[in-house]
Amino acid sequence: KDIALKLIPESQSAELIWATPNLEMNPEDYKN
């Protein structure tokens, strides 16, 4: 539960939409 993903079935891919602050990742870096 330390991350949340959104599945995109049509492209068999997913997006990172949230991560725990413990990961020290900026939200703008999720898209990377």
PDB file of all heavy atoms in Angstrom:
ATOM      1  N   LYS A   1       0.809  -1.221   0.000  1.00  0.00           N
ATOM      2  CA  LYS A   1       0.000   0.000   0.000  1.00  0.00           C
ATOM      3  C   LYS A   1       0.839   1.266   0.000  1.00  0.00           C
ATOM      4  O   LYS A   1       0.309   2.367   0.145  1.00  0.00           O
ATOM      5  CB  LYS A   1      -0.958  -0.015   1.189  1.00  0.00           C
ATOM      6  CG  LYS A   1      -2.001  -1.139   1.105  1.00  0.00           C
ATOM      7  CD  LYS A   1      -3.037  -1.041   2.198  1.00  0.00           C
ATOM      8  CE  LYS A   1      -4.070  -2.153   2.068  1.00  0.00           C
ATOM      9  NZ  LYS A   1      -5.163  -2.055   3.049  1.00  0.00           N
ATOM     10  N   ASP A   2       2.147   1.122  -0.199  1.00  0.00           N
ATOM     11  CA  ASP A   2       3.022   2.288  -0.234  1.00  0.00           C
ATOM     12  C   ASP A   2       3.069   2.957  -1.596  1.00  0.00           C
ATOM     13  O   ASP A   2       3.685   4.025  -1.745  1.00  0.00           O
ATOM     14  CB  ASP A   2       4.449   1.904   0.188  1.00  0.00           C
ATOM     15  CG  ASP A   2       4.561   1.720   1.693  1.00  0.00           C
ATOM     16  OD1 ASP A   2       3.729   2.281   2.418  1.00  0.00           O
ATOM     17  OD2 ASP A   2       5.481   1.009   2.133  1.00  0.00           O
ATOM     18  N   ILE A   3       2.458   2.344  -2.599  1.00  0.00           N
ATOM     19  CA  ILE A   3       2.283   3.005  -3.890  1.00  0.00           C
ATOM     20  C   ILE A   3       0.873   2.707  -4.407  1.00  0.00           C
ATOM     21  O   ILE A   3       0.216   1.765  -3.948  1.00  0.00           O
ATOM     22  CB  ILE A   3       3.318   2.565  -4.949  1.00  0.00           C
ATOM     23  CG1 ILE A   3       3.142   1.080  -5.301  1.00  0.00           C
ATOM     24  CG2 ILE A   3       4.725   2.869  -4.505  1.00  0.00           C
ATOM     25  CD1 ILE A   3       3.928   0.663  -6.537  1.00  0.00           C
ATOM     26  N   ALA A   4       0.422   3.518  -5.345  1.00  0.00           N
ATOM     27  CA  ALA A   4      -0.862   3.283  -6.018  1.00  0.00           C
ATOM     28  C   ALA A   4      -0.637   3.404  -7.517  1.00  0.00           C
ATOM     29  O   ALA A   4       0.059   4.316  -7.976  1.00  0.00           O
ATOM     30  CB  ALA A   4      -1.923   4.272  -5.549  1.00  0.00           C
ATOM     31  N   LEU A   5      -1.232   2.476  -8.261  1.00  0.00           N
ATOM     32  CA  LEU A   5      -1.074   2.428  -9.706  1.00  0.00           C
ATOM     33  C   LEU A   5      -2.428   2.507 -10.400  1.00  0.00           C
ATOM     34  O   LEU A   5      -3.447   2.105  -9.838  1.00  0.00           O
ATOM     35  CB  LEU A   5      -0.383   1.123 -10.128  1.00  0.00           C
ATOM     36  CG  LEU A   5       1.020   0.862  -9.573  1.00  0.00           C
ATOM     37  CD1 LEU A   5       1.464  -0.550  -9.921  1.00  0.00           C
ATOM     38  CD2 LEU A   5       2.010   1.883 -10.103  1.00  0.00           C
ATOM     39  N   LYS A   6      -2.410   3.009 -11.617  1.00  0.00           N
ATOM     40  CA  LYS A   6      -3.591   2.992 -12.479  1.00  0.00           C
ATOM     41  C   LYS A   6      -3.283   2.115 -13.678  1.00  0.00           C
ATOM     42  O   LYS A   6      -2.346   2.399 -14.441  1.00  0.00           O
ATOM     43  CB  LYS A   6      -3.944   4.406 -12.935  1.00  0.00           C
ATOM     44  CG  LYS A   6      -5.111   4.460 -13.925  1.00  0.00           C
ATOM     45  CD  LYS A   6      -5.334   5.868 -14.438  1.00  0.00           C
ATOM     46  CE  LYS A   6      -6.455   5.905 -15.475  1.00  0.00           C
ATOM     47  NZ  LYS A   6      -6.645   7.276 -16.023  1.00  0.00           N
ATOM     48  N   LEU A   7      -4.056   1.052 -13.862  1.00  0.00           N
ATOM     49  CA  LEU A   7      -3.871   0.172 -15.006  1.00  0.00           C
ATOM     50  C   LEU A   7      -4.494   0.774 -16.262  1.00  0.00           C
ATOM     51  O   LEU A   7      -5.574   1.371 -16.198  1.00  0.00           O
ATOM     52  CB  LEU A   7      -4.491  -1.201 -14.744  1.00  0.00           C
ATOM     53  CG  LEU A   7      -3.590  -2.266 -14.100  1.00  0.00           C
ATOM     54  CD1 LEU A   7      -3.081  -1.796 -12.743  1.00  0.00           C
ATOM     55  CD2 LEU A   7      -4.329  -3.590 -13.970  1.00  0.00           C
ATOM     56  N   ILE A   8      -3.808   0.604 -17.393  1.00  0.00           N
ATOM     57  CA  ILE A   8      -4.303   1.068 -18.693  1.00  0.00           C
ATOM     58  C   ILE A   8      -4.349  -0.159 -19.606  1.00  0.00           C
ATOM     59  O   ILE A   8      -3.398  -0.443 -20.340  1.00  0.00           O
ATOM     60  CB  ILE A   8      -3.396   2.165 -19.272  1.00  0.00           C
ATOM     61  CG1 ILE A   8      -3.173   3.268 -18.236  1.00  0.00           C
ATOM     62  CG2 ILE A   8      -3.991   2.747 -20.551  1.00  0.00           C
ATOM     63  CD1 ILE A   8      -2.160   4.298 -18.642  1.00  0.00           C
ATOM     64  N   PRO A   9      -5.443  -0.913 -19.569  1.00  0.00           N
ATOM     65  CA  PRO A   9      -5.509  -2.205 -20.275  1.00  0.00           C
ATOM     66  C   PRO A   9      -5.278  -2.112 -21.779  1.00  0.00           C
ATOM     67  O   PRO A   9      -4.670  -3.015 -22.367  1.00  0.00           O
ATOM     68  CB  PRO A   9      -6.927  -2.698 -19.960  1.00  0.00           C
ATOM     69  CG  PRO A   9      -7.315  -1.994 -18.703  1.00  0.00           C
ATOM     70  CD  PRO A   9      -6.663  -0.652 -18.796  1.00  0.00           C
ATOM     71  N   GLU A  10      -5.738  -1.032 -22.409  1.00  0.00           N
ATOM     72  CA  GLU A  10      -5.633  -0.946 -23.869  1.00  0.00           C
ATOM     73  C   GLU A  10      -4.191  -0.909 -24.357  1.00  0.00           C
ATOM     74  O   GLU A  10      -3.894  -1.304 -25.491  1.00  0.00           O
ATOM     75  CB  GLU A  10      -6.389   0.265 -24.411  1.00  0.00           C
ATOM     76  CG  GLU A  10      -5.972   1.599 -23.819  1.00  0.00           C
ATOM     77  CD  GLU A  10      -6.778   1.980 -22.590  1.00  0.00           C
ATOM     78  OE1 GLU A  10      -7.311   1.072 -21.922  1.00  0.00           O
ATOM     79  OE2 GLU A  10      -6.864   3.185 -22.311  1.00  0.00           O
ATOM     80  N   SER A  11      -3.269  -0.448 -23.509  1.00  0.00           N
ATOM     81  CA  SER A  11      -1.848  -0.421 -23.878  1.00  0.00           C
ATOM     82  C   SER A  11      -1.018  -1.383 -23.027  1.00  0.00           C
ATOM     83  O   SER A  11       0.207  -1.372 -23.123  1.00  0.00           O
ATOM     84  CB  SER A  11      -1.290   1.001 -23.747  1.00  0.00           C
ATOM     85  OG  SER A  11      -1.430   1.482 -22.412  1.00  0.00           O
ATOM     86  N   GLN A  12      -1.692  -2.195 -22.206  1.00  0.00           N
ATOM     87  CA  GLN A  12      -1.008  -3.138 -21.312  1.00  0.00           C
ATOM     88  C   GLN A  12       0.099  -2.417 -20.529  1.00  0.00           C
ATOM     89  O   GLN A  12       1.238  -2.857 -20.457  1.00  0.00           O
ATOM     90  CB  GLN A  12      -0.433  -4.318 -22.089  1.00  0.00           C
ATOM     91  CG  GLN A  12      -1.495  -5.210 -22.718  1.00  0.00           C
ATOM     92  CD  GLN A  12      -0.911  -6.363 -23.485  1.00  0.00           C
ATOM     93  OE1 GLN A  12      -0.397  -6.192 -24.586  1.00  0.00           O
ATOM     94  NE2 GLN A  12      -0.975  -7.551 -22.919  1.00  0.00           N
ATOM     95  N   SER A  13      -0.292  -1.290 -19.956  1.00  0.00           N
ATOM     96  CA  SER A  13       0.656  -0.476 -19.205  1.00  0.00           C
ATOM     97  C   SER A  13      -0.005   0.007 -17.921  1.00  0.00           C
ATOM     98  O   SER A  13      -1.168  -0.299 -17.638  1.00  0.00           O
ATOM     99  CB  SER A  13       1.132   0.716 -20.044  1.00  0.00           C
ATOM    100  OG  SER A  13       0.051   1.576 -20.351  1.00  0.00           O
ATOM    101  N   ALA A  14       0.735   0.766 -17.134  1.00  0.00           N
ATOM    102  CA  ALA A  14       0.204   1.327 -15.894  1.00  0.00           C
ATOM    103  C   ALA A  14       0.920   2.633 -15.596  1.00  0.00           C
ATOM    104  O   ALA A  14       2.001   2.899 -16.134  1.00  0.00           O
ATOM    105  CB  ALA A  14       0.369   0.341 -14.740  1.00  0.00           C
ATOM    106  N   GLU A  15       0.298   3.435 -14.743  1.00  0.00           N
ATOM    107  CA  GLU A  15       0.887   4.703 -14.312  1.00  0.00           C
ATOM    108  C   GLU A  15       1.018   4.715 -12.792  1.00  0.00           C
ATOM    109  O   GLU A  15       0.124   4.233 -12.084  1.00  0.00           O
ATOM    110  CB  GLU A  15       0.015   5.877 -14.746  1.00  0.00           C
ATOM    111  CG  GLU A  15      -0.107   6.056 -16.240  1.00  0.00           C
ATOM    112  CD  GLU A  15      -1.058   7.185 -16.607  1.00  0.00           C
ATOM    113  OE1 GLU A  15      -1.745   7.707 -15.695  1.00  0.00           O
ATOM    114  OE2 GLU A  15      -1.120   7.539 -17.796  1.00  0.00           O
ATOM    115  N   LEU A  16       2.111   5.266 -12.312  1.00  0.00           N
ATOM    116  CA  LEU A  16       2.280   5.503 -10.885  1.00  0.00           C
ATOM    117  C   LEU A  16       1.523   6.782 -10.533  1.00  0.00           C
ATOM    118  O   LEU A  16       1.814   7.847 -11.080  1.00  0.00           O
ATOM    119  CB  LEU A  16       3.764   5.649 -10.552  1.00  0.00           C
ATOM    120  CG  LEU A  16       4.126   5.925  -9.091  1.00  0.00           C
ATOM    121  CD1 LEU A  16       3.720   4.763  -8.192  1.00  0.00           C
ATOM    122  CD2 LEU A  16       5.626   6.201  -8.960  1.00  0.00           C
ATOM    123  N   ILE A  17       0.536   6.677  -9.637  1.00  0.00           N
ATOM    124  CA  ILE A  17      -0.280   7.853  -9.313  1.00  0.00           C
ATOM    125  C   ILE A  17      -0.060   8.351  -7.891  1.00  0.00           C
ATOM    126  O   ILE A  17      -0.507   9.448  -7.547  1.00  0.00           O
ATOM    127  CB  ILE A  17      -1.777   7.576  -9.552  1.00  0.00           C
ATOM    128  CG1 ILE A  17      -2.278   6.399  -8.695  1.00  0.00           C
ATOM    129  CG2 ILE A  17      -2.036   7.329 -11.034  1.00  0.00           C
ATOM    130  CD1 ILE A  17      -3.783   6.176  -8.780  1.00  0.00           C
ATOM    131  N   TRP A  18       0.588   7.559  -7.053  1.00  0.00           N
ATOM    132  CA  TRP A  18       0.876   8.001  -5.683  1.00  0.00           C
ATOM    133  C   TRP A  18       1.968   7.124  -5.103  1.00  0.00           C
ATOM    134  O   TRP A  18       2.067   5.926  -5.426  1.00  0.00           O
ATOM    135  CB  TRP A  18      -0.369   7.897  -4.792  1.00  0.00           C
ATOM    136  CG  TRP A  18      -0.112   8.314  -3.366  1.00  0.00           C
ATOM    137  CD1 TRP A  18      -0.139   9.577  -2.853  1.00  0.00           C
ATOM    138  CD2 TRP A  18       0.256   7.455  -2.277  1.00  0.00           C
ATOM    139  NE1 TRP A  18       0.176   9.563  -1.514  1.00  0.00           N
ATOM    140  CE2 TRP A  18       0.423   8.265  -1.124  1.00  0.00           C
ATOM    141  CE3 TRP A  18       0.445   6.075  -2.153  1.00  0.00           C
ATOM    142  CZ2 TRP A  18       0.780   7.754   0.121  1.00  0.00           C
ATOM    143  CZ3 TRP A  18       0.813   5.547  -0.924  1.00  0.00           C
ATOM    144  CH2 TRP A  18       0.966   6.388   0.207  1.00  0.00           C
ATOM    145  N   ALA A  19       2.815   7.720  -4.269  1.00  0.00           N
ATOM    146  CA  ALA A  19       3.855   6.967  -3.559  1.00  0.00           C
ATOM    147  C   ALA A  19       4.013   7.534  -2.161  1.00  0.00           C
ATOM    148  O   ALA A  19       3.852   8.743  -1.935  1.00  0.00           O
ATOM    149  CB  ALA A  19       5.181   7.026  -4.308  1.00  0.00           C
ATOM    150  N   THR A  20       4.316   6.669  -1.218  1.00  0.00           N
ATOM    151  CA  THR A  20       4.525   7.098   0.158  1.00  0.00           C
ATOM    152  C   THR A  20       5.659   8.122   0.241  1.00  0.00           C
ATOM    153  O   THR A  20       6.662   8.011  -0.482  1.00  0.00           O
ATOM    154  CB  THR A  20       4.873   5.896   1.046  1.00  0.00           C
ATOM    155  OG1 THR A  20       5.253   6.352   2.357  1.00  0.00           O
ATOM    156  CG2 THR A  20       6.038   5.099   0.491  1.00  0.00           C
ATOM    157  N   PRO A  21       5.537   9.118   1.121  1.00  0.00           N
ATOM    158  CA  PRO A  21       6.623  10.086   1.303  1.00  0.00           C
ATOM    159  C   PRO A  21       7.931   9.428   1.736  1.00  0.00           C
ATOM    160  O   PRO A  21       9.005  10.011   1.537  1.00  0.00           O
ATOM    161  CB  PRO A  21       6.081  11.017   2.400  1.00  0.00           C
ATOM    162  CG  PRO A  21       4.595  10.900   2.286  1.00  0.00           C
ATOM    163  CD  PRO A  21       4.332   9.475   1.895  1.00  0.00           C
ATOM    164  N   ASN A  22       7.847   8.220   2.305  1.00  0.00           N
ATOM    165  CA  ASN A  22       9.066   7.513   2.709  1.00  0.00           C
ATOM    166  C   ASN A  22       9.968   7.204   1.523  1.00  0.00           C
ATOM    167  O   ASN A  22      11.167   6.955   1.692  1.00  0.00           O
ATOM    168  CB  ASN A  22       8.712   6.208   3.424  1.00  0.00           C
ATOM    169  CG  ASN A  22       7.990   6.440   4.733  1.00  0.00           C
ATOM    170  OD1 ASN A  22       8.132   7.504   5.348  1.00  0.00           O
ATOM    171  ND2 ASN A  22       7.214   5.470   5.181  1.00  0.00           N
ATOM    172  N   LEU A  23       9.400   7.207   0.338  1.00  0.00           N
ATOM    173  CA  LEU A  23      10.183   6.905  -0.863  1.00  0.00           C
ATOM    174  C   LEU A  23      11.005   8.101  -1.330  1.00  0.00           C
ATOM    175  O   LEU A  23      11.908   7.957  -2.157  1.00  0.00           O
ATOM    176  CB  LEU A  23       9.245   6.442  -1.989  1.00  0.00           C
ATOM    177  CG  LEU A  23       9.850   5.669  -3.146  1.00  0.00           C
ATOM    178  CD1 LEU A  23      10.620   4.452  -2.676  1.00  0.00           C
ATOM    179  CD2 LEU A  23       8.756   5.231  -4.115  1.00  0.00           C
ATOM    180  N   GLU A  24      10.707   9.286  -0.794  1.00  0.00           N
ATOM    181  CA  GLU A  24      11.446  10.503  -1.141  1.00  0.00           C
ATOM    182  C   GLU A  24      11.460  10.732  -2.656  1.00  0.00           C
ATOM    183  O   GLU A  24      12.483  11.069  -3.253  1.00  0.00           O
ATOM    184  CB  GLU A  24      12.865  10.464  -0.579  1.00  0.00           C
ATOM    185  CG  GLU A  24      12.900  10.409   0.952  1.00  0.00           C
ATOM    186  CD  GLU A  24      14.300  10.457   1.517  1.00  0.00           C
ATOM    187  OE1 GLU A  24      15.262  10.509   0.729  1.00  0.00           O
ATOM    188  OE2 GLU A  24      14.430  10.461   2.752  1.00  0.00           O
ATOM    189  N   MET A  25      10.303  10.527  -3.280  1.00  0.00           N
ATOM    190  CA  MET A  25      10.148  10.763  -4.710  1.00  0.00           C
ATOM    191  C   MET A  25       9.161  11.904  -4.913  1.00  0.00           C
ATOM    192  O   MET A  25       8.069  11.887  -4.350  1.00  0.00           O
ATOM    193  CB  MET A  25       9.632   9.506  -5.417  1.00  0.00           C
ATOM    194  CG  MET A  25       9.501   9.663  -6.927  1.00  0.00           C
ATOM    195  SD  MET A  25       8.595   8.283  -7.700  1.00  0.00           S
ATOM    196  CE  MET A  25       9.610   6.899  -7.256  1.00  0.00           C
ATOM    197  N   ASN A  26       9.548  12.892  -5.694  1.00  0.00           N
ATOM    198  CA  ASN A  26       8.654  14.002  -5.973  1.00  0.00           C
ATOM    199  C   ASN A  26       7.525  13.552  -6.895  1.00  0.00           C
ATOM    200  O   ASN A  26       7.761  12.792  -7.848  1.00  0.00           O
ATOM    201  CB  ASN A  26       9.419  15.148  -6.637  1.00  0.00           C
ATOM    202  CG  ASN A  26      10.450  15.763  -5.721  1.00  0.00           C
ATOM    203  OD1 ASN A  26      10.210  15.912  -4.524  1.00  0.00           O
ATOM    204  ND2 ASN A  26      11.607  16.117  -6.269  1.00  0.00           N
ATOM    205  N   PRO A  27       6.294  14.002  -6.642  1.00  0.00           N
ATOM    206  CA  PRO A  27       5.169  13.619  -7.514  1.00  0.00           C
ATOM    207  C   PRO A  27       5.407  13.901  -8.987  1.00  0.00           C
ATOM    208  O   PRO A  27       4.931  13.159  -9.844  1.00  0.00           O
ATOM    209  CB  PRO A  27       4.009  14.442  -6.954  1.00  0.00           C
ATOM    210  CG  PRO A  27       4.352  14.633  -5.508  1.00  0.00           C
ATOM    211  CD  PRO A  27       5.847  14.785  -5.475  1.00  0.00           C
ATOM    212  N   GLU A  28       6.153  14.959  -9.295  1.00  0.00           N
ATOM    213  CA  GLU A  28       6.413  15.260 -10.704  1.00  0.00           C
ATOM    214  C   GLU A  28       7.318  14.212 -11.367  1.00  0.00           C
ATOM    215  O   GLU A  28       7.434  14.165 -12.596  1.00  0.00           O
ATOM    216  CB  GLU A  28       7.028  16.656 -10.870  1.00  0.00           C
ATOM    217  CG  GLU A  28       8.313  16.876 -10.107  1.00  0.00           C
ATOM    218  CD  GLU A  28       8.074  17.522  -8.740  1.00  0.00           C
ATOM    219  OE1 GLU A  28       6.994  17.308  -8.157  1.00  0.00           O
ATOM    220  OE2 GLU A  28       8.978  18.244  -8.287  1.00  0.00           O
ATOM    221  N   ASP A  29       7.961  13.366 -10.532  1.00  0.00           N
ATOM    222  CA  ASP A  29       8.826  12.316 -11.070  1.00  0.00           C
ATOM    223  C   ASP A  29       8.084  11.002 -11.298  1.00  0.00           C
ATOM    224  O   ASP A  29       8.668  10.057 -11.844  1.00  0.00           O
ATOM    225  CB  ASP A  29      10.013  12.064 -10.129  1.00  0.00           C
ATOM    226  CG  ASP A  29      10.953  13.254 -10.052  1.00  0.00           C
ATOM    227  OD1 ASP A  29      11.048  13.996 -11.057  1.00  0.00           O
ATOM    228  OD2 ASP A  29      11.590  13.451  -9.003  1.00  0.00           O
ATOM    229  N   TYR A  30       6.829  10.923 -10.880  1.00  0.00           N
ATOM    230  CA  TYR A  30       6.066   9.683 -11.084  1.00  0.00           C
ATOM    231  C   TYR A  30       6.053   9.278 -12.557  1.00  0.00           C
ATOM    232  O   TYR A  30       6.133   8.092 -12.893  1.00  0.00           O
ATOM    233  CB  TYR A  30       4.612   9.847 -10.606  1.00  0.00           C
ATOM    234  CG  TYR A  30       4.419  10.028  -9.125  1.00  0.00           C
ATOM    235  CD1 TYR A  30       3.163  10.355  -8.614  1.00  0.00           C
ATOM    236  CD2 TYR A  30       5.468   9.878  -8.221  1.00  0.00           C
ATOM    237  CE1 TYR A  30       2.956  10.525  -7.250  1.00  0.00           C
ATOM    238  CE2 TYR A  30       5.275  10.048  -6.861  1.00  0.00           C
ATOM    239  CZ  TYR A  30       4.007  10.378  -6.382  1.00  0.00           C
ATOM    240  OH  TYR A  30       3.799  10.548  -5.033  1.00  0.00           O
ATOM    241  N   LYS A  31       5.945  10.274 -13.429  1.00  0.00           N
ATOM    242  CA  LYS A  31       5.817   9.991 -14.862  1.00  0.00           C
ATOM    243  C   LYS A  31       7.074   9.366 -15.452  1.00  0.00           C
ATOM    244  O   LYS A  31       7.038   8.802 -16.564  1.00  0.00           O
ATOM    245  CB  LYS A  31       5.492  11.274 -15.621  1.00  0.00           C
ATOM    246  CG  LYS A  31       6.593  12.334 -15.573  1.00  0.00           C
ATOM    247  CD  LYS A  31       6.179  13.593 -16.310  1.00  0.00           C
ATOM    248  CE  LYS A  31       7.310  14.626 -16.332  1.00  0.00           C
ATOM    249  NZ  LYS A  31       7.675  15.066 -14.959  1.00  0.00           N
ATOM    250  N   ASN A  32       8.194   9.445 -14.739  1.00  0.00           N
ATOM    251  CA  ASN A  32       9.443   8.857 -15.239  1.00  0.00           C
ATOM    252  C   ASN A  32       9.437   7.334 -15.161  1.00  0.00           C
ATOM    253  O   ASN A  32      10.247   6.678 -15.824  1.00  0.00           O
ATOM    254  CB  ASN A  32      10.639   9.394 -14.446  1.00  0.00           C
ATOM    255  CG  ASN A  32      10.824  10.892 -14.628  1.00  0.00           C
ATOM    256  OD1 ASN A  32      10.428  11.456 -15.652  1.00  0.00           O
ATOM    257  ND2 ASN A  32      11.416  11.543 -13.642  1.00  0.00           N
TER     258      ASN A  32
END
